[in-house]
Amino acid sequence: MGCDAITLGSKDFGSGLEKLKALEDGADFPFISANIQDSFGANIFESYKIIRKNDINLGVIGLSSVFLNDELRVSDPLPILESLVDEVASKSDFVVLLFHANDQDITSVKNSGLDIDLIIQSKTTRRSNDGGGARIPVFSCGDRGKLVYRFEVEISNDSEKITDLSKLDREIATLDRQLRKATRNNASVEFDLSIPSEKRKFDEVERLKTRIRLVNEKIETTQNYIKFEKIELGKTVVDEPEILMIVDEGKRALETLSSPQPAIPFNRRQ
């Protein structure tokens, strides 16, 4: 896949820290996390990675929301991020946060004003259709491996903020549907402006046309943008029973690690 970096979350430690470190040793890309430490408080992984792509420096930071693990200390992610982001931004043209995050932590980062250009969130089953309406686009790839998310970033003007083209594309699609409905799928429909209801319909059609034109102009003229596409993986891949058994065994192990042990029922007659 050409992986450049991976961040860690709670379930990645299901087989223990030693096993995870062995996997890291065998990987040809870095494991990054700025707020996961060992039991002595020392960072286990690199906090970030600067990746050079097509003459652009991408600063990639790894973070996780707090979770419990006997082998680890997981610090509050926001103070760690605040202490780190200026250093990363000074070395980068574009800062990406890989965040195994709950929604509360995502909201805190979005409201922080920190110099971050893109957040990719795990720890959620939501599918993103765009990056949302906040200053920092947030995409969640919650498809459990069914889709690959491909991001394209263009930076041509240092003084221009980055535009989320996927959001504008969705707006165009919505406006087109509304326009077809308003014109009864007939672009040359004529309105009798002497009738108040017809005049209102005419005004709405003109508003939609104007908005579509303005959004298209924005798409065509923006110099700094991010857009993405979802690539569906093949549906013809046949499940292998041996692999399913490994997955089921792993699920049972994770449930044992994350769930309290049930109490043994007491039978008064025994």
C-alpha atoms as a PDB file:
ATOM      1  CA  MET A   1       0.000   0.000   0.000  1.00  0.00           C
ATOM      2  CA  GLY A   2       2.971   2.332   0.380  1.00  0.00           C
ATOM      3  CA  CYS A   3       2.241   3.122   4.016  1.00  0.00           C
ATOM      4  CA  ASP A   4       4.211   6.092   5.416  1.00  0.00           C
ATOM      5  CA  ALA A   5       3.107   6.089   9.063  1.00  0.00           C
ATOM      6  CA  ILE A   6       0.654   4.520  11.492  1.00  0.00           C
ATOM      7  CA  THR A   7      -0.632   5.710  14.841  1.00  0.00           C
ATOM      8  CA  LEU A   8      -1.744   3.429  17.669  1.00  0.00           C
ATOM      9  CA  GLY A   9      -4.958   2.975  19.608  1.00  0.00           C
ATOM     10  CA  SER A  10      -6.193   0.878  22.483  1.00  0.00           C
ATOM     11  CA  LYS A  11      -6.843  -2.347  20.546  1.00  0.00           C
ATOM     12  CA  ASP A  12      -3.385  -2.358  18.972  1.00  0.00           C
ATOM     13  CA  PHE A  13      -2.042  -3.397  22.373  1.00  0.00           C
ATOM     14  CA  GLY A  14      -4.394  -6.384  22.662  1.00  0.00           C
ATOM     15  CA  SER A  15      -1.492  -8.839  22.351  1.00  0.00           C
ATOM     16  CA  GLY A  16       0.801  -6.827  24.591  1.00  0.00           C
ATOM     17  CA  LEU A  17       3.451  -4.177  24.152  1.00  0.00           C
ATOM     18  CA  GLU A  18       6.233  -6.674  23.416  1.00  0.00           C
ATOM     19  CA  LYS A  19       4.312  -8.138  20.479  1.00  0.00           C
ATOM     20  CA  LEU A  20       3.518  -4.684  19.119  1.00  0.00           C
ATOM     21  CA  LYS A  21       7.165  -3.611  19.323  1.00  0.00           C
ATOM     22  CA  ALA A  22       8.128  -6.766  17.407  1.00  0.00           C
ATOM     23  CA  LEU A  23       5.669  -5.789  14.685  1.00  0.00           C
ATOM     24  CA  GLU A  24       7.174  -2.308  14.599  1.00  0.00           C
ATOM     25  CA  ASP A  25      10.668  -3.770  14.196  1.00  0.00           C
ATOM     26  CA  GLY A  26       9.467  -5.713  11.158  1.00  0.00           C
ATOM     27  CA  ALA A  27       7.701  -2.768   9.512  1.00  0.00           C
ATOM     28  CA  ASP A  28       9.288  -0.462   6.937  1.00  0.00           C
ATOM     29  CA  PHE A  29       7.272   2.541   8.150  1.00  0.00           C
ATOM     30  CA  PRO A  30       7.209   4.282  11.547  1.00  0.00           C
ATOM     31  CA  PHE A  31       4.738   3.746  14.365  1.00  0.00           C
ATOM     32  CA  ILE A  32       3.999   7.195  15.828  1.00  0.00           C
ATOM     33  CA  SER A  33       2.283   8.329  19.008  1.00  0.00           C
ATOM     34  CA  ALA A  34       3.016  11.464  20.997  1.00  0.00           C
ATOM     35  CA  ASN A  35       1.130  10.576  24.173  1.00  0.00           C
ATOM     36  CA  ILE A  36       1.565   6.827  24.752  1.00  0.00           C
ATOM     37  CA  GLN A  37       4.372   6.102  27.226  1.00  0.00           C
ATOM     38  CA  ASP A  38       5.682   3.060  29.014  1.00  0.00           C
ATOM     39  CA  SER A  39       5.010   2.472  32.719  1.00  0.00           C
ATOM     40  CA  PHE A  40       7.969   4.749  33.588  1.00  0.00           C
ATOM     41  CA  GLY A  41       6.600   7.668  31.559  1.00  0.00           C
ATOM     42  CA  ALA A  42       9.027   7.429  28.618  1.00  0.00           C
ATOM     43  CA  ASN A  43       7.710   7.755  25.057  1.00  0.00           C
ATOM     44  CA  ILE A  44       7.533   4.388  23.302  1.00  0.00           C
ATOM     45  CA  PHE A  45       7.198   5.683  19.745  1.00  0.00           C
ATOM     46  CA  GLU A  46       8.198   8.709  17.700  1.00  0.00           C
ATOM     47  CA  SER A  47       5.817  11.619  18.285  1.00  0.00           C
ATOM     48  CA  TYR A  48       5.648  12.681  14.644  1.00  0.00           C
ATOM     49  CA  LYS A  49       7.143  12.117  11.216  1.00  0.00           C
ATOM     50  CA  ILE A  50       8.032  14.607   8.458  1.00  0.00           C
ATOM     51  CA  ILE A  51       7.255  13.009   5.090  1.00  0.00           C
ATOM     52  CA  ARG A  52       8.346  14.496   1.770  1.00  0.00           C
ATOM     53  CA  LYS A  53       5.776  14.110  -1.017  1.00  0.00           C
ATOM     54  CA  ASN A  54       5.949  15.899  -4.387  1.00  0.00           C
ATOM     55  CA  ASP A  55       7.987  18.803  -2.981  1.00  0.00           C
ATOM     56  CA  ILE A  56       5.613  19.185  -0.004  1.00  0.00           C
ATOM     57  CA  ASN A  57       6.629  18.462   3.586  1.00  0.00           C
ATOM     58  CA  LEU A  58       3.838  16.642   5.420  1.00  0.00           C
ATOM     59  CA  GLY A  59       4.065  16.741   9.193  1.00  0.00           C
ATOM     60  CA  VAL A  60       2.218  13.711  10.576  1.00  0.00           C
ATOM     61  CA  ILE A  61       1.450  13.583  14.309  1.00  0.00           C
ATOM     62  CA  GLY A  62       0.082  10.510  16.106  1.00  0.00           C
ATOM     63  CA  LEU A  63      -2.236  10.766  19.123  1.00  0.00           C
ATOM     64  CA  SER A  64      -4.755   8.700  21.056  1.00  0.00           C
ATOM     65  CA  SER A  65      -7.510   9.502  23.513  1.00  0.00           C
ATOM     66  CA  VAL A  66      -6.799   8.221  27.006  1.00  0.00           C
ATOM     67  CA  PHE A  67      -7.342   4.505  27.563  1.00  0.00           C
ATOM     68  CA  LEU A  68      -6.367   2.094  30.323  1.00  0.00           C
ATOM     69  CA  ASN A  69      -3.608  -0.478  29.939  1.00  0.00           C
ATOM     70  CA  ASP A  70      -1.489  -1.996  32.710  1.00  0.00           C
ATOM     71  CA  GLU A  71       1.703  -1.684  30.634  1.00  0.00           C
ATOM     72  CA  LEU A  72       1.197   1.934  29.585  1.00  0.00           C
ATOM     73  CA  ARG A  73       0.614   5.510  30.562  1.00  0.00           C
ATOM     74  CA  VAL A  74      -1.590   7.447  28.130  1.00  0.00           C
ATOM     75  CA  SER A  75      -1.435  11.206  28.720  1.00  0.00           C
ATOM     76  CA  ASP A  76      -4.158  13.741  28.017  1.00  0.00           C
ATOM     77  CA  PRO A  77      -3.698  14.311  24.259  1.00  0.00           C
ATOM     78  CA  LEU A  78      -4.508  18.039  24.023  1.00  0.00           C
ATOM     79  CA  PRO A  79      -1.640  19.414  26.207  1.00  0.00           C
ATOM     80  CA  ILE A  80       0.789  17.112  24.383  1.00  0.00           C
ATOM     81  CA  LEU A  81      -0.479  18.364  21.036  1.00  0.00           C
ATOM     82  CA  GLU A  82      -0.260  22.008  22.134  1.00  0.00           C
ATOM     83  CA  SER A  83       3.385  21.555  23.116  1.00  0.00           C
ATOM     84  CA  LEU A  84       4.260  19.818  19.846  1.00  0.00           C
ATOM     85  CA  VAL A  85       2.309  21.350  16.986  1.00  0.00           C
ATOM     86  CA  ASP A  86       4.378  24.539  16.527  1.00  0.00           C
ATOM     87  CA  GLU A  87       7.544  22.481  16.166  1.00  0.00           C
ATOM     88  CA  VAL A  88       5.924  20.248  13.550  1.00  0.00           C
ATOM     89  CA  ALA A  89       4.333  23.176  11.704  1.00  0.00           C
ATOM     90  CA  SER A  90       7.697  24.954  11.463  1.00  0.00           C
ATOM     91  CA  LYS A  91       9.067  21.972   9.525  1.00  0.00           C
ATOM     92  CA  SER A  92       5.988  21.304   7.393  1.00  0.00           C
ATOM     93  CA  ASP A  93       3.821  22.738   4.653  1.00  0.00           C
ATOM     94  CA  PHE A  94       0.832  20.667   5.766  1.00  0.00           C
ATOM     95  CA  VAL A  95       0.126  19.184   9.205  1.00  0.00           C
ATOM     96  CA  VAL A  96      -1.880  15.965   9.503  1.00  0.00           C
ATOM     97  CA  LEU A  97      -3.100  14.603  12.835  1.00  0.00           C
ATOM     98  CA  LEU A  98      -3.741  10.854  12.966  1.00  0.00           C
ATOM     99  CA  PHE A  99      -6.019  10.647  15.995  1.00  0.00           C
ATOM    100  CA  HIS A 100      -7.469   7.524  17.641  1.00  0.00           C
ATOM    101  CA  ALA A 101      -9.997   9.804  19.305  1.00  0.00           C
ATOM    102  CA  ASN A 102     -13.347  10.018  20.993  1.00  0.00           C
ATOM    103  CA  ASP A 103     -15.646  12.805  19.818  1.00  0.00           C
ATOM    104  CA  GLN A 104     -14.953  14.977  22.873  1.00  0.00           C
ATOM    105  CA  ASP A 105     -11.233  15.108  22.087  1.00  0.00           C
ATOM    106  CA  ILE A 106     -11.908  15.789  18.408  1.00  0.00           C
ATOM    107  CA  THR A 107     -14.110  18.743  19.372  1.00  0.00           C
ATOM    108  CA  SER A 108     -11.413  20.080  21.718  1.00  0.00           C
ATOM    109  CA  VAL A 109      -8.809  20.033  18.942  1.00  0.00           C
ATOM    110  CA  LYS A 110     -11.180  21.629  16.413  1.00  0.00           C
ATOM    111  CA  ASN A 111     -11.869  24.466  18.875  1.00  0.00           C
ATOM    112  CA  SER A 112      -8.242  24.907  19.913  1.00  0.00           C
ATOM    113  CA  GLY A 113      -7.031  27.114  17.064  1.00  0.00           C
ATOM    114  CA  LEU A 114      -3.920  24.962  16.684  1.00  0.00           C
ATOM    115  CA  ASP A 115      -2.034  24.986  13.375  1.00  0.00           C
ATOM    116  CA  ILE A 116      -3.417  21.710  11.984  1.00  0.00           C
ATOM    117  CA  ASP A 117      -4.626  21.260   8.405  1.00  0.00           C
ATOM    118  CA  LEU A 118      -6.279  17.833   8.508  1.00  0.00           C
ATOM    119  CA  ILE A 119      -7.454  15.318  11.114  1.00  0.00           C
ATOM    120  CA  ILE A 120      -7.986  11.663  10.248  1.00  0.00           C
ATOM    121  CA  GLN A 121      -9.965  10.022  13.053  1.00  0.00           C
ATOM    122  CA  SER A 122     -10.167   6.365  13.954  1.00  0.00           C
ATOM    123  CA  LYS A 123     -12.086   4.910  16.955  1.00  0.00           C
ATOM    124  CA  THR A 124     -15.400   5.557  15.210  1.00  0.00           C
ATOM    125  CA  THR A 125     -17.682   3.669  12.835  1.00  0.00           C
ATOM    126  CA  ARG A 126     -18.822   6.813  11.016  1.00  0.00           C
ATOM    127  CA  ARG A 127     -18.129   7.246   7.314  1.00  0.00           C
ATOM    128  CA  SER A 128     -17.116  10.707   6.172  1.00  0.00           C
ATOM    129  CA  ASN A 129     -18.518  12.245   3.025  1.00  0.00           C
ATOM    130  CA  ASP A 130     -16.558  15.441   3.561  1.00  0.00           C
ATOM    131  CA  GLY A 131     -14.446  17.068   6.248  1.00  0.00           C
ATOM    132  CA  GLY A 132     -17.296  18.855   8.009  1.00  0.00           C
ATOM    133  CA  GLY A 133     -17.816  22.570   8.422  1.00  0.00           C
ATOM    134  CA  ALA A 134     -15.163  23.370  11.024  1.00  0.00           C
ATOM    135  CA  ARG A 135     -11.878  25.182  10.340  1.00  0.00           C
ATOM    136  CA  ILE A 136      -9.982  21.885  10.449  1.00  0.00           C
ATOM    137  CA  PRO A 137     -11.408  19.178   8.162  1.00  0.00           C
ATOM    138  CA  VAL A 138     -12.006  15.905  10.026  1.00  0.00           C
ATOM    139  CA  PHE A 139     -12.369  12.650   8.111  1.00  0.00           C
ATOM    140  CA  SER A 140     -13.277   9.361   9.766  1.00  0.00           C
ATOM    141  CA  CYS A 141     -12.605   6.119   7.904  1.00  0.00           C
ATOM    142  CA  GLY A 142     -15.068   4.004   9.864  1.00  0.00           C
ATOM    143  CA  ASP A 143     -15.655   1.292   7.309  1.00  0.00           C
ATOM    144  CA  ARG A 144     -13.815  -1.582   9.031  1.00  0.00           C
ATOM    145  CA  GLY A 145     -11.532  -2.157   6.065  1.00  0.00           C
ATOM    146  CA  LYS A 146     -14.256  -2.165   3.411  1.00  0.00           C
ATOM    147  CA  LEU A 147     -13.039   1.031   1.753  1.00  0.00           C
ATOM    148  CA  VAL A 148      -9.728   2.750   1.127  1.00  0.00           C
ATOM    149  CA  TYR A 149      -9.791   6.535   1.544  1.00  0.00           C
ATOM    150  CA  ARG A 150      -7.545   8.375  -0.916  1.00  0.00           C
ATOM    151  CA  PHE A 151      -6.719  12.015  -0.141  1.00  0.00           C
ATOM    152  CA  GLU A 152      -5.353  14.508  -2.649  1.00  0.00           C
ATOM    153  CA  VAL A 153      -3.752  17.720  -1.389  1.00  0.00           C
ATOM    154  CA  GLU A 154      -2.643  20.684  -3.502  1.00  0.00           C
ATOM    155  CA  ILE A 155      -0.779  23.666  -2.011  1.00  0.00           C
ATOM    156  CA  SER A 156       0.140  26.438  -4.439  1.00  0.00           C
ATOM    157  CA  ASN A 157      -0.379  29.616  -2.411  1.00  0.00           C
ATOM    158  CA  ASP A 158       1.088  30.023   1.076  1.00  0.00           C
ATOM    159  CA  SER A 159      -1.331  32.864   1.919  1.00  0.00           C
ATOM    160  CA  GLU A 160      -4.530  30.995   1.035  1.00  0.00           C
ATOM    161  CA  LYS A 161      -6.355  28.722   3.437  1.00  0.00           C
ATOM    162  CA  ILE A 162      -7.029  25.138   2.391  1.00  0.00           C
ATOM    163  CA  THR A 163     -10.447  24.450   0.880  1.00  0.00           C
ATOM    164  CA  ASP A 164     -12.274  21.153   1.354  1.00  0.00           C
ATOM    165  CA  LEU A 165     -13.358  20.402  -2.224  1.00  0.00           C
ATOM    166  CA  SER A 166     -15.288  17.307  -1.169  1.00  0.00           C
ATOM    167  CA  LYS A 167     -17.643  19.535   0.817  1.00  0.00           C
ATOM    168  CA  LEU A 168     -18.137  21.872  -2.157  1.00  0.00           C
ATOM    169  CA  ASP A 169     -18.783  18.897  -4.468  1.00  0.00           C
ATOM    170  CA  ARG A 170     -21.501  17.689  -2.088  1.00  0.00           C
ATOM    171  CA  GLU A 171     -23.027  21.169  -2.028  1.00  0.00           C
ATOM    172  CA  ILE A 172     -23.128  21.246  -5.852  1.00  0.00           C
ATOM    173  CA  ALA A 173     -24.864  17.851  -5.908  1.00  0.00           C
ATOM    174  CA  THR A 174     -27.484  19.077  -3.414  1.00  0.00           C
ATOM    175  CA  LEU A 175     -28.068  22.325  -5.321  1.00  0.00           C
ATOM    176  CA  ASP A 176     -28.444  20.416  -8.604  1.00  0.00           C
ATOM    177  CA  ARG A 177     -31.124  18.185  -7.063  1.00  0.00           C
ATOM    178  CA  GLN A 178     -32.981  21.214  -5.733  1.00  0.00           C
ATOM    179  CA  LEU A 179     -32.759  22.962  -9.102  1.00  0.00           C
ATOM    180  CA  ARG A 180     -34.109  19.939 -10.990  1.00  0.00           C
ATOM    181  CA  LYS A 181     -37.014  19.752  -8.559  1.00  0.00           C
ATOM    182  CA  ALA A 182     -37.724  23.478  -8.839  1.00  0.00           C
ATOM    183  CA  THR A 183     -37.738  23.367 -12.640  1.00  0.00           C
ATOM    184  CA  ARG A 184     -39.490  20.000 -12.873  1.00  0.00           C
ATOM    185  CA  ASN A 185     -36.359  18.660 -14.619  1.00  0.00           C
ATOM    186  CA  ASN A 186     -36.973  21.182 -17.427  1.00  0.00           C
ATOM    187  CA  ALA A 187     -34.158  23.737 -17.650  1.00  0.00           C
ATOM    188  CA  SER A 188     -36.170  25.925 -20.059  1.00  0.00           C
ATOM    189  CA  VAL A 189     -39.292  26.151 -17.915  1.00  0.00           C
ATOM    190  CA  GLU A 190     -41.008  29.550 -18.062  1.00  0.00           C
ATOM    191  CA  PHE A 191     -42.660  31.210 -15.069  1.00  0.00           C
ATOM    192  CA  ASP A 192     -45.564  33.616 -15.117  1.00  0.00           C
ATOM    193  CA  LEU A 193     -44.153  36.380 -12.908  1.00  0.00           C
ATOM    194  CA  SER A 194     -47.570  38.010 -12.553  1.00  0.00           C
ATOM    195  CA  ILE A 195     -48.578  35.124 -10.293  1.00  0.00           C
ATOM    196  CA  PRO A 196     -47.016  35.456  -6.781  1.00  0.00           C
ATOM    197  CA  SER A 197     -46.391  31.717  -6.375  1.00  0.00           C
ATOM    198  CA  GLU A 198     -44.719  31.548  -9.790  1.00  0.00           C
ATOM    199  CA  LYS A 199     -42.611  34.594  -8.919  1.00  0.00           C
ATOM    200  CA  ARG A 200     -41.407  32.870  -5.752  1.00  0.00           C
ATOM    201  CA  LYS A 201     -40.448  29.769  -7.754  1.00  0.00           C
ATOM    202  CA  PHE A 202     -38.593  31.943 -10.272  1.00  0.00           C
ATOM    203  CA  ASP A 203     -36.660  33.695  -7.478  1.00  0.00           C
ATOM    204  CA  GLU A 204     -35.718  30.341  -5.945  1.00  0.00           C
ATOM    205  CA  VAL A 205     -34.476  29.010  -9.298  1.00  0.00           C
ATOM    206  CA  GLU A 206     -32.351  32.126  -9.809  1.00  0.00           C
ATOM    207  CA  ARG A 207     -30.950  31.815  -6.279  1.00  0.00           C
ATOM    208  CA  LEU A 208     -29.975  28.196  -6.915  1.00  0.00           C
ATOM    209  CA  LYS A 209     -28.368  29.028 -10.262  1.00  0.00           C
ATOM    210  CA  THR A 210     -26.389  31.857  -8.697  1.00  0.00           C
ATOM    211  CA  ARG A 211     -25.183  29.681  -5.837  1.00  0.00           C
ATOM    212  CA  ILE A 212     -24.162  26.886  -8.216  1.00  0.00           C
ATOM    213  CA  ARG A 213     -22.176  29.384 -10.293  1.00  0.00           C
ATOM    214  CA  LEU A 214     -20.407  30.805  -7.234  1.00  0.00           C
ATOM    215  CA  VAL A 215     -19.514  27.374  -5.842  1.00  0.00           C
ATOM    216  CA  ASN A 216     -18.196  26.234  -9.229  1.00  0.00           C
ATOM    217  CA  GLU A 217     -16.070  29.392  -9.433  1.00  0.00           C
ATOM    218  CA  LYS A 218     -14.676  28.594  -5.990  1.00  0.00           C
ATOM    219  CA  ILE A 219     -13.816  25.047  -7.073  1.00  0.00           C
ATOM    220  CA  GLU A 220     -12.133  26.255 -10.258  1.00  0.00           C
ATOM    221  CA  THR A 221     -10.092  29.089  -8.725  1.00  0.00           C
ATOM    222  CA  THR A 222      -8.954  27.657  -5.384  1.00  0.00           C
ATOM    223  CA  GLN A 223      -5.207  27.027  -5.260  1.00  0.00           C
ATOM    224  CA  ASN A 224      -4.960  25.158  -1.960  1.00  0.00           C
ATOM    225  CA  TYR A 225      -7.333  22.285  -1.557  1.00  0.00           C
ATOM    226  CA  ILE A 226      -7.942  18.855  -0.156  1.00  0.00           C
ATOM    227  CA  LYS A 227     -10.308  16.305  -1.668  1.00  0.00           C
ATOM    228  CA  PHE A 228     -10.826  12.608  -1.236  1.00  0.00           C
ATOM    229  CA  GLU A 229     -12.427   9.595  -2.779  1.00  0.00           C
ATOM    230  CA  LYS A 230     -13.607   6.277  -1.387  1.00  0.00           C
ATOM    231  CA  ILE A 231     -12.254   3.234  -3.186  1.00  0.00           C
ATOM    232  CA  GLU A 232     -14.358   0.142  -2.522  1.00  0.00           C
ATOM    233  CA  LEU A 233     -12.393  -3.044  -2.138  1.00  0.00           C
ATOM    234  CA  GLY A 234     -13.327  -6.051  -4.258  1.00  0.00           C
ATOM    235  CA  LYS A 235     -16.438  -7.917  -3.132  1.00  0.00           C
ATOM    236  CA  THR A 236     -15.342 -11.158  -4.761  1.00  0.00           C
ATOM    237  CA  VAL A 237     -12.692 -11.981  -2.145  1.00  0.00           C
ATOM    238  CA  VAL A 238     -13.695 -15.304  -0.562  1.00  0.00           C
ATOM    239  CA  ASP A 239     -13.455 -15.609   3.228  1.00  0.00           C
ATOM    240  CA  GLU A 240     -10.876 -18.138   4.375  1.00  0.00           C
ATOM    241  CA  PRO A 241     -12.014 -20.203   7.405  1.00  0.00           C
ATOM    242  CA  GLU A 242      -8.487 -20.236   8.869  1.00  0.00           C
ATOM    243  CA  ILE A 243      -8.336 -16.438   8.816  1.00  0.00           C
ATOM    244  CA  LEU A 244     -11.822 -16.124  10.320  1.00  0.00           C
ATOM    245  CA  MET A 245     -10.757 -18.396  13.180  1.00  0.00           C
ATOM    246  CA  ILE A 246      -7.781 -16.131  13.892  1.00  0.00           C
ATOM    247  CA  VAL A 247     -10.060 -13.067  13.848  1.00  0.00           C
ATOM    248  CA  ASP A 248     -12.567 -14.720  16.203  1.00  0.00           C
ATOM    249  CA  GLU A 249      -9.772 -15.720  18.573  1.00  0.00           C
ATOM    250  CA  GLY A 250      -8.472 -12.162  18.575  1.00  0.00           C
ATOM    251  CA  LYS A 251     -11.940 -10.767  19.284  1.00  0.00           C
ATOM    252  CA  ARG A 252     -12.343 -13.082  22.272  1.00  0.00           C
ATOM    253  CA  ALA A 253      -8.925 -12.023  23.610  1.00  0.00           C
ATOM    254  CA  LEU A 254      -9.820  -8.338  23.273  1.00  0.00           C
ATOM    255  CA  GLU A 255     -13.143  -8.852  25.045  1.00  0.00           C
ATOM    256  CA  THR A 256     -11.318 -10.572  27.906  1.00  0.00           C
ATOM    257  CA  LEU A 257      -8.856  -7.682  28.188  1.00  0.00           C
ATOM    258  CA  SER A 258     -11.433  -4.906  28.000  1.00  0.00           C
ATOM    259  CA  SER A 259     -14.332  -6.352  30.005  1.00  0.00           C
ATOM    260  CA  PRO A 260     -14.585  -6.947  33.762  1.00  0.00           C
ATOM    261  CA  GLN A 261     -14.784 -10.581  34.732  1.00  0.00           C
ATOM    262  CA  PRO A 262     -18.386 -11.639  35.497  1.00  0.00           C
ATOM    263  CA  ALA A 263     -19.228 -12.643  39.038  1.00  0.00           C
ATOM    264  CA  ILE A 264     -19.711 -16.374  39.665  1.00  0.00           C
ATOM    265  CA  PRO A 265     -23.388 -17.005  40.503  1.00  0.00           C
ATOM    266  CA  PHE A 266     -23.993 -18.356  43.997  1.00  0.00           C
ATOM    267  CA  ASN A 267     -26.498 -21.137  44.505  1.00  0.00           C
ATOM    268  CA  ARG A 268     -27.844 -21.163  48.090  1.00  0.00           C
ATOM    269  CA  ARG A 269     -28.485 -24.913  47.914  1.00  0.00           C
ATOM    270  CA  GLN A 270     -24.809 -25.747  47.291  1.00  0.00           C
END
